[in-house]
Amino acid sequence: MKTRLFAWIDERTGAEAIIKSQLTEYPVPKNLNYMWNFGSLALLVLVLQILTGVFLAMYYKPSAALTMGGYTVAFDSVERIMRDVNFGWLIRYMHAVGASAFFVVVYMHIGRGLYYGSYKGPRELLWIIGVVILLIMQGAAFFGYLLPWGQMSFWGATVITNLFGALPVLGEYLQQLLRGGFAVGDPTLNRFFSLHYLFPLLLAAIVGGHVHALHVVHSNNPEGIDVHSDAERINFHPYYTVKDAFGVGIFLTLYCYVIFFNPQMGGYFIEVDNYVPANNLQTPPHIAPVWYLTPWYTILRSFESKLLGVLMMGASLAILFLLPFLDRSKVRSARYRPVFKQMVILFFVCVIVLGYCGHSAPTPTLKLVGQIATTYYFLFFFALLILPKFEKTKPVPDHI
């Protein structure tokens, strides 16, 4: 910021004041642990996803028409990216593995916020914006899942779009609007490609709002108390930029290992059935979404009624918006809430169990386990209403 060029830019934009107030000299609680790294990691992965997605879009062709080899144009274009485009395999694996990495860091980010009470006032709007980001991520992931036009892509899209038909009155209309016809086909592929390209750009804009909201109310901390003294704060740079850089190094090591040595992760990151061209006359024995959507898929199939399953799946996401208003405890951090701490740890286990049940082939035992986990998922939120009446919290310190 000492060059003549930057001085010329600063005179016309005020860039130096913005950089200092929002980054280098931005005050942050001095006791943040490594769980706070996942926010910056999520931003890093978002940038990687947008960049790799732009390069893939240069070669991908969203068409279900058949080629001379008997494959669809979309499936053939993905294979061409993998085999013929220089480093196309690397870009595609970065994008596919990056999708899973994105959800890993975002789920960890949400879990940290839940454990330390970062959804409580004055950060309610910050939490709500975060839930909106999660929903857009899930939508973008679902739309992108169809694009290879493999067996699991085609039938996964068929199952999910069928859910809209269960809604009363507008269900059939919404289903046809999403598909572009009466069945999943070429119009569906074009719609999903457009939305998959649009959603990350929309996501980037909302993430900007999320960061702005964070800088207005400032970061929470592991103690869950407000910081008022300058002695309890430090500048973001160089203290947390170095800490975040270390976290980035660990993340990129794992990220590169998966890309180069095990990009499919046993079928969790890339389904083996997706290497088989879509065939509307041959249904796979087990249809399941990618791992990061399976908890909600388990909630969906835990009910005999399709309509009730769709409503409860929607409710399981909608209730996240209400969390700041359901928890009335004056103590934020689970460190000082012994009952809440046990409840939230059990909630994390419950979500993992829901994910496992959704990814596995349905059996009577797994269905029962999924129903029990679904019940606790909802009980957790409603139990927060009465928890402050009997929970004895530990003394909260006055300073961090």
Protein backbone atom coordinates (compact mmCIF):
# COMPACT_ATOMS: atom_id res chain seq x y z
CA MET A 1 0.00 0.00 0.00
CA LYS A 2 3.04 2.28 -0.27
CA THR A 3 3.30 2.37 -4.05
CA ARG A 4 2.29 5.35 -6.18
CA LEU A 5 -0.18 3.15 -8.06
CA PHE A 6 -2.00 2.18 -4.87
CA ALA A 7 -1.96 5.80 -3.69
CA TRP A 8 -3.65 6.78 -6.96
CA ILE A 9 -6.29 4.04 -6.50
CA ASP A 10 -6.77 4.89 -2.82
CA GLU A 11 -7.38 8.55 -3.58
CA ARG A 12 -10.31 7.56 -5.80
CA THR A 13 -11.74 4.55 -3.89
CA GLY A 14 -10.64 4.78 -0.26
CA ALA A 15 -9.20 1.26 -0.62
CA GLU A 16 -6.65 1.63 2.20
CA ALA A 17 -9.29 2.46 4.82
CA ILE A 18 -11.44 -0.46 3.68
CA ILE A 19 -8.54 -2.94 3.74
CA LYS A 20 -7.44 -1.82 7.20
CA SER A 21 -10.93 -1.75 8.77
CA GLN A 22 -12.20 -4.97 7.22
CA LEU A 23 -9.04 -7.10 7.03
CA THR A 24 -5.60 -6.18 8.36
CA GLU A 25 -6.69 -4.13 11.42
CA TYR A 26 -10.09 -5.74 11.86
CA PRO A 27 -10.44 -6.47 15.63
CA VAL A 28 -11.00 -10.13 16.51
CA PRO A 29 -11.29 -11.88 19.92
CA LYS A 30 -7.87 -13.19 20.87
CA ASN A 31 -9.02 -16.67 21.96
CA LEU A 32 -10.43 -18.09 18.71
CA ASN A 33 -9.46 -21.72 18.16
CA TYR A 34 -8.98 -23.70 14.95
CA MET A 35 -12.71 -24.32 14.62
CA TRP A 36 -12.91 -20.75 13.35
CA ASN A 37 -10.73 -21.71 10.36
CA PHE A 38 -13.62 -23.37 8.55
CA GLY A 39 -15.20 -20.06 7.54
CA SER A 40 -12.14 -18.97 5.56
CA LEU A 41 -11.77 -22.50 4.18
CA ALA A 42 -15.36 -22.37 2.90
CA LEU A 43 -14.56 -19.12 1.07
CA LEU A 44 -11.45 -20.71 -0.45
CA VAL A 45 -13.36 -23.76 -1.71
CA LEU A 46 -16.11 -21.53 -3.15
CA VAL A 47 -13.51 -19.70 -5.23
CA LEU A 48 -12.03 -23.02 -6.39
CA GLN A 49 -15.48 -24.31 -7.35
CA ILE A 50 -16.33 -21.23 -9.37
CA LEU A 51 -12.99 -21.23 -11.21
CA THR A 52 -13.04 -24.95 -12.03
CA GLY A 53 -16.72 -24.72 -12.97
CA VAL A 54 -16.00 -21.96 -15.48
CA PHE A 55 -13.31 -24.07 -17.17
CA LEU A 56 -15.56 -27.16 -17.26
CA ALA A 57 -18.39 -25.12 -18.80
CA MET A 58 -16.08 -24.29 -21.73
CA TYR A 59 -16.14 -27.93 -22.84
CA TYR A 60 -19.37 -29.36 -21.40
CA LYS A 61 -22.40 -29.64 -23.71
CA PRO A 62 -25.81 -29.93 -21.98
CA SER A 63 -27.60 -32.15 -24.49
CA ALA A 64 -29.29 -35.55 -24.11
CA ALA A 65 -29.12 -36.20 -27.88
CA LEU A 66 -27.32 -39.39 -28.94
CA THR A 67 -23.91 -39.33 -30.61
CA MET A 68 -22.62 -41.69 -33.30
CA GLY A 69 -21.16 -43.90 -30.57
CA GLY A 70 -24.55 -44.38 -28.93
CA TYR A 71 -23.78 -42.14 -25.93
CA THR A 72 -25.51 -38.88 -25.13
CA VAL A 73 -23.75 -35.62 -25.99
CA ALA A 74 -23.56 -34.64 -22.30
CA PHE A 75 -22.04 -37.95 -21.21
CA ASP A 76 -19.65 -37.91 -24.15
CA SER A 77 -18.53 -34.35 -23.37
CA VAL A 78 -17.68 -35.34 -19.80
CA GLU A 79 -15.63 -38.29 -21.09
CA ARG A 80 -13.90 -35.97 -23.55
CA ILE A 81 -12.99 -33.63 -20.71
CA MET A 82 -11.53 -36.57 -18.80
CA ARG A 83 -9.61 -38.09 -21.72
CA ASP A 84 -8.84 -35.49 -24.40
CA VAL A 85 -8.73 -32.03 -22.80
CA ASN A 86 -5.33 -31.11 -21.38
CA PHE A 87 -5.56 -31.54 -17.60
CA GLY A 88 -9.32 -31.92 -17.99
CA TRP A 89 -9.27 -34.88 -15.60
CA LEU A 90 -7.63 -32.69 -12.97
CA ILE A 91 -10.15 -29.86 -13.35
CA ARG A 92 -13.08 -32.27 -13.19
CA TYR A 93 -11.76 -34.08 -10.13
CA MET A 94 -11.03 -30.75 -8.45
CA HIS A 95 -14.65 -29.76 -9.05
CA ALA A 96 -16.17 -33.08 -8.00
CA VAL A 97 -13.99 -33.50 -4.90
CA GLY A 98 -14.36 -29.78 -4.20
CA ALA A 99 -18.13 -30.17 -3.94
CA SER A 100 -17.70 -32.69 -1.12
CA ALA A 101 -14.94 -30.60 0.46
CA PHE A 102 -17.24 -27.57 0.37
CA PHE A 103 -19.92 -29.41 2.33
CA VAL A 104 -17.37 -30.83 4.79
CA VAL A 105 -16.06 -27.39 5.76
CA VAL A 106 -19.52 -25.78 5.75
CA TYR A 107 -20.99 -28.53 7.95
CA MET A 108 -18.05 -28.11 10.33
CA HIS A 109 -18.62 -24.34 10.24
CA ILE A 110 -22.31 -24.80 11.09
CA GLY A 111 -21.48 -27.33 13.81
CA ARG A 112 -19.05 -24.89 15.40
CA GLY A 113 -21.70 -22.17 15.35
CA LEU A 114 -24.22 -24.53 16.93
CA TYR A 115 -21.85 -25.72 19.67
CA TYR A 116 -20.63 -22.27 20.69
CA GLY A 117 -24.00 -20.52 20.33
CA SER A 118 -23.01 -18.26 17.44
CA TYR A 119 -26.66 -18.13 16.36
CA LYS A 120 -27.69 -16.15 19.45
CA GLY A 121 -28.20 -12.42 19.53
CA PRO A 122 -26.98 -10.18 18.08
CA ARG A 123 -26.01 -12.73 15.40
CA GLU A 124 -29.47 -14.07 14.49
CA LEU A 125 -29.42 -12.55 10.99
CA LEU A 126 -25.88 -13.84 10.45
CA TRP A 127 -27.14 -17.38 11.19
CA ILE A 128 -30.19 -16.97 8.94
CA ILE A 129 -28.02 -15.83 6.02
CA GLY A 130 -25.84 -18.88 6.66
CA VAL A 131 -28.85 -21.19 6.38
CA VAL A 132 -29.78 -19.51 3.08
CA ILE A 133 -26.24 -20.25 1.88
CA LEU A 134 -26.68 -23.91 2.86
CA LEU A 135 -29.92 -24.19 0.88
CA ILE A 136 -28.37 -22.62 -2.23
CA MET A 137 -25.38 -24.96 -1.90
CA GLN A 138 -27.70 -27.98 -1.78
CA GLY A 139 -29.59 -26.73 -4.81
CA ALA A 140 -26.39 -26.15 -6.79
CA ALA A 141 -25.08 -29.60 -5.81
CA PHE A 142 -28.31 -31.29 -6.88
CA PHE A 143 -28.35 -29.50 -10.24
CA GLY A 144 -24.71 -30.36 -10.86
CA TYR A 145 -25.32 -34.01 -9.97
CA LEU A 146 -27.48 -34.42 -13.09
CA LEU A 147 -24.99 -32.94 -15.56
CA PRO A 148 -22.81 -36.04 -16.28
CA TRP A 149 -26.05 -37.72 -17.44
CA GLY A 150 -25.01 -41.09 -16.02
CA GLN A 151 -27.33 -43.67 -14.53
CA MET A 152 -27.30 -42.27 -11.00
CA SER A 153 -27.61 -38.70 -12.30
CA PHE A 154 -30.67 -39.51 -14.40
CA TRP A 155 -32.49 -41.62 -11.84
CA GLY A 156 -31.55 -39.37 -8.93
CA ALA A 157 -33.07 -36.43 -10.80
CA THR A 158 -36.15 -38.53 -11.59
CA VAL A 159 -36.68 -39.42 -7.93
CA ILE A 160 -36.14 -35.90 -6.62
CA THR A 161 -38.33 -34.19 -9.22
CA ASN A 162 -41.04 -36.77 -8.53
CA LEU A 163 -41.25 -35.38 -5.00
CA PHE A 164 -42.72 -32.12 -6.27
CA GLY A 165 -45.62 -34.10 -7.72
CA ALA A 166 -46.64 -35.07 -4.18
CA LEU A 167 -47.44 -31.47 -3.28
CA PRO A 168 -51.14 -30.59 -3.49
CA VAL A 169 -52.55 -28.19 -6.11
CA LEU A 170 -49.27 -26.85 -7.56
CA GLY A 171 -47.24 -30.07 -7.34
CA GLU A 172 -47.75 -31.29 -10.89
CA TYR A 173 -47.20 -27.83 -12.33
CA LEU A 174 -43.94 -27.37 -10.38
CA GLN A 175 -42.78 -30.81 -11.44
CA GLN A 176 -43.31 -30.07 -15.14
CA LEU A 177 -41.77 -26.61 -14.77
CA LEU A 178 -38.62 -28.08 -13.22
CA ARG A 179 -38.36 -30.90 -15.75
CA GLY A 180 -39.37 -28.86 -18.76
CA GLY A 181 -41.82 -31.61 -19.72
CA PHE A 182 -43.53 -34.73 -18.42
CA ALA A 183 -40.30 -36.65 -17.80
CA VAL A 184 -36.63 -36.00 -17.12
CA GLY A 185 -34.98 -35.32 -20.48
CA ASP A 186 -33.10 -32.83 -22.59
CA PRO A 187 -35.05 -29.74 -21.34
CA THR A 188 -34.33 -30.83 -17.75
CA LEU A 189 -30.62 -31.07 -18.49
CA ASN A 190 -30.54 -27.57 -19.99
CA ARG A 191 -32.50 -26.11 -17.08
CA PHE A 192 -30.23 -27.71 -14.50
CA PHE A 193 -27.07 -26.63 -16.31
CA SER A 194 -28.29 -23.01 -16.35
CA LEU A 195 -29.22 -23.12 -12.66
CA HIS A 196 -26.01 -24.90 -11.70
CA TYR A 197 -24.04 -22.14 -13.40
CA LEU A 198 -26.17 -19.38 -11.84
CA PHE A 199 -26.34 -20.58 -8.23
CA PRO A 200 -22.60 -20.28 -7.38
CA LEU A 201 -22.61 -16.66 -8.59
CA LEU A 202 -25.68 -16.00 -6.45
CA LEU A 203 -23.93 -17.82 -3.62
CA ALA A 204 -20.87 -15.58 -3.92
CA ALA A 205 -23.07 -12.48 -3.58
CA ILE A 206 -24.83 -13.83 -0.48
CA VAL A 207 -21.50 -14.88 1.04
CA GLY A 208 -20.45 -11.25 0.67
CA GLY A 209 -23.53 -10.27 2.67
CA HIS A 210 -22.70 -12.95 5.23
CA VAL A 211 -19.17 -11.57 5.71
CA HIS A 212 -20.52 -8.01 5.96
CA ALA A 213 -23.04 -9.06 8.61
CA LEU A 214 -20.22 -10.78 10.52
CA HIS A 215 -18.10 -7.62 10.49
CA VAL A 216 -21.01 -5.58 11.84
CA VAL A 217 -21.72 -7.82 14.87
CA HIS A 218 -18.15 -9.24 15.12
CA SER A 219 -17.11 -12.82 15.77
CA ASN A 220 -18.32 -14.94 18.64
CA ASN A 221 -15.67 -16.78 20.68
CA PRO A 222 -15.36 -20.13 22.49
CA GLU A 223 -16.41 -18.55 25.79
CA GLY A 224 -19.57 -17.18 24.19
CA ILE A 225 -19.24 -13.79 25.91
CA ASP A 226 -19.20 -10.27 24.53
CA VAL A 227 -15.80 -8.63 24.12
CA HIS A 228 -15.65 -4.97 25.07
CA SER A 229 -12.02 -4.33 25.99
CA ASP A 230 -9.27 -3.69 23.45
CA ALA A 231 -7.02 -5.89 25.59
CA GLU A 232 -9.20 -8.87 24.63
CA ARG A 233 -8.88 -8.21 20.90
CA ILE A 234 -6.08 -8.54 18.38
CA ASN A 235 -5.80 -7.52 14.73
CA PHE A 236 -6.83 -10.09 12.17
CA HIS A 237 -3.47 -9.67 10.44
CA PRO A 238 -0.96 -11.12 11.03
CA TYR A 239 -2.28 -13.30 13.85
CA TYR A 240 -5.27 -14.96 12.21
CA THR A 241 -4.03 -14.74 8.63
CA VAL A 242 -1.09 -16.95 9.70
CA LYS A 243 -3.44 -19.25 11.61
CA ASP A 244 -5.79 -19.50 8.61
CA ALA A 245 -2.81 -20.10 6.31
CA PHE A 246 -1.79 -23.08 8.42
CA GLY A 247 -5.35 -24.44 8.19
CA VAL A 248 -5.30 -23.90 4.42
CA GLY A 249 -2.07 -25.88 4.19
CA ILE A 250 -3.59 -28.84 6.07
CA PHE A 251 -6.76 -28.65 3.98
CA LEU A 252 -4.93 -28.49 0.65
CA THR A 253 -2.78 -31.47 1.63
CA LEU A 254 -5.88 -33.61 2.22
CA TYR A 255 -7.65 -32.11 -0.80
CA CYS A 256 -4.76 -32.95 -3.14
CA TYR A 257 -4.37 -36.44 -1.68
CA VAL A 258 -8.00 -37.26 -2.48
CA ILE A 259 -7.80 -35.73 -5.99
CA PHE A 260 -4.66 -37.59 -7.00
CA PHE A 261 -5.04 -40.90 -5.18
CA ASN A 262 -8.71 -41.56 -4.34
CA PRO A 263 -11.12 -39.12 -6.05
CA GLN A 264 -14.10 -41.47 -5.86
CA MET A 265 -13.66 -42.19 -2.13
CA GLY A 266 -15.30 -45.58 -2.46
CA GLY A 267 -18.30 -44.16 -4.31
CA TYR A 268 -19.09 -41.46 -1.74
CA PHE A 269 -17.71 -38.55 -3.80
CA ILE A 270 -18.36 -39.91 -7.33
CA GLU A 271 -20.87 -42.71 -7.83
CA VAL A 272 -19.58 -45.66 -9.87
CA ASP A 273 -22.99 -45.92 -11.59
CA ASN A 274 -22.42 -42.44 -13.01
CA TYR A 275 -19.78 -43.91 -15.33
CA VAL A 276 -22.65 -45.79 -17.02
CA PRO A 277 -24.68 -43.72 -19.56
CA ALA A 278 -28.23 -42.86 -18.52
CA ASN A 279 -30.80 -45.47 -19.50
CA ASN A 280 -34.45 -44.73 -18.80
CA LEU A 281 -35.32 -48.42 -19.30
CA GLN A 282 -32.96 -49.76 -16.63
CA THR A 283 -33.45 -48.65 -13.04
CA PRO A 284 -30.41 -49.03 -10.70
CA PRO A 285 -30.95 -51.39 -7.75
CA HIS A 286 -30.37 -48.59 -5.22
CA ILE A 287 -30.90 -44.89 -5.92
CA ALA A 288 -29.37 -42.46 -3.43
CA PRO A 289 -28.10 -38.87 -3.60
CA VAL A 290 -24.50 -37.85 -2.87
CA TRP A 291 -23.46 -38.21 0.79
CA TYR A 292 -23.96 -34.55 1.71
CA LEU A 293 -27.70 -34.76 0.89
CA THR A 294 -28.36 -38.18 2.44
CA PRO A 295 -29.46 -36.99 5.93
CA TRP A 296 -32.46 -35.24 4.41
CA TYR A 297 -33.08 -38.15 2.07
CA THR A 298 -33.38 -40.40 5.14
CA ILE A 299 -35.92 -38.03 6.68
CA LEU A 300 -37.85 -38.14 3.40
CA ARG A 301 -38.10 -41.91 3.26
CA SER A 302 -38.77 -42.34 7.00
CA PHE A 303 -42.48 -41.73 6.34
CA GLU A 304 -44.87 -44.00 4.46
CA SER A 305 -46.72 -41.05 2.92
CA LYS A 306 -44.74 -39.34 0.15
CA LEU A 307 -46.44 -36.01 0.90
CA LEU A 308 -45.63 -36.24 4.62
CA GLY A 309 -42.04 -37.19 3.81
CA VAL A 310 -41.63 -34.17 1.53
CA LEU A 311 -43.15 -31.84 4.13
CA MET A 312 -40.96 -33.19 6.93
CA MET A 313 -37.84 -32.95 4.77
CA GLY A 314 -38.69 -29.32 4.08
CA ALA A 315 -39.44 -28.75 7.76
CA SER A 316 -36.05 -30.21 8.75
CA LEU A 317 -34.37 -27.41 6.79
CA ALA A 318 -36.88 -24.68 7.63
CA ILE A 319 -36.50 -25.28 11.37
CA LEU A 320 -32.86 -24.20 11.12
CA PHE A 321 -34.11 -20.66 10.48
CA LEU A 322 -35.97 -20.74 13.81
CA LEU A 323 -33.04 -21.93 15.94
CA PRO A 324 -32.04 -18.45 17.24
CA PHE A 325 -35.60 -17.93 18.47
CA LEU A 326 -36.14 -21.40 19.94
CA ASP A 327 -33.10 -21.31 22.23
CA ARG A 328 -33.86 -18.77 24.98
CA SER A 329 -30.89 -19.52 27.23
CA LYS A 330 -28.83 -16.48 28.18
CA VAL A 331 -25.62 -18.54 27.99
CA ARG A 332 -24.19 -19.05 24.51
CA SER A 333 -21.35 -21.55 24.64
CA ALA A 334 -21.90 -25.26 25.29
CA ARG A 335 -18.83 -25.09 27.54
CA TYR A 336 -21.08 -23.72 30.30
CA ARG A 337 -24.27 -25.61 29.40
CA PRO A 338 -23.78 -29.27 30.44
CA VAL A 339 -27.18 -30.56 29.29
CA PHE A 340 -27.08 -28.63 26.03
CA LYS A 341 -23.56 -29.93 25.40
CA GLN A 342 -24.77 -33.54 25.60
CA MET A 343 -27.79 -32.73 23.44
CA VAL A 344 -25.77 -31.06 20.69
CA ILE A 345 -23.15 -33.84 20.58
CA LEU A 346 -25.97 -36.38 20.27
CA PHE A 347 -27.45 -34.17 17.52
CA PHE A 348 -24.19 -34.37 15.55
CA VAL A 349 -24.20 -38.16 15.93
CA CYS A 350 -27.84 -38.19 14.82
CA VAL A 351 -27.01 -36.32 11.59
CA ILE A 352 -24.17 -38.76 10.83
CA VAL A 353 -26.53 -41.70 11.40
CA LEU A 354 -29.11 -40.11 9.09
CA GLY A 355 -26.42 -39.73 6.44
CA TYR A 356 -25.36 -43.36 6.72
CA CYS A 357 -28.94 -44.62 6.52
CA GLY A 358 -29.62 -42.47 3.45
CA HIS A 359 -26.56 -43.70 1.59
CA SER A 360 -27.21 -47.38 2.37
CA ALA A 361 -29.75 -49.64 0.72
CA PRO A 362 -33.01 -49.54 2.69
CA THR A 363 -33.63 -52.42 5.11
CA PRO A 364 -36.22 -52.71 7.92
CA THR A 365 -33.50 -52.19 10.53
CA LEU A 366 -32.01 -49.11 8.85
CA LYS A 367 -35.48 -47.68 8.32
CA LEU A 368 -36.20 -48.01 12.05
CA VAL A 369 -32.85 -46.43 12.91
CA GLY A 370 -33.58 -43.61 10.46
CA GLN A 371 -36.99 -43.00 12.03
CA ILE A 372 -35.46 -42.83 15.53
CA ALA A 373 -32.77 -40.41 14.31
CA THR A 374 -35.41 -38.32 12.53
CA THR A 375 -37.45 -38.11 15.74
CA TYR A 376 -34.45 -36.89 17.74
CA TYR A 377 -33.55 -34.40 14.99
CA PHE A 378 -36.83 -32.57 15.55
CA LEU A 379 -36.95 -33.15 19.31
CA PHE A 380 -33.60 -31.40 19.67
CA PHE A 381 -35.02 -28.09 18.44
CA PHE A 382 -38.25 -28.23 20.44
CA ALA A 383 -36.42 -29.32 23.61
CA LEU A 384 -34.53 -26.02 23.45
CA LEU A 385 -37.76 -24.24 24.36
CA ILE A 386 -37.93 -25.84 27.80
CA LEU A 387 -34.22 -26.46 28.40
CA PRO A 388 -33.53 -23.10 30.19
CA LYS A 389 -36.19 -23.96 32.81
CA PHE A 390 -34.24 -26.85 34.32
CA GLU A 391 -30.66 -26.60 33.01
CA LYS A 392 -28.13 -25.45 35.59
CA THR A 393 -25.42 -23.58 33.73
CA LYS A 394 -21.85 -23.18 34.92
CA PRO A 395 -20.52 -19.74 35.92
CA VAL A 396 -19.59 -17.75 32.84
CA PRO A 397 -16.38 -15.68 33.05
CA ASP A 398 -16.50 -11.94 32.70
CA HIS A 399 -13.50 -11.81 30.38
CA ILE A 400 -11.92 -14.15 27.85
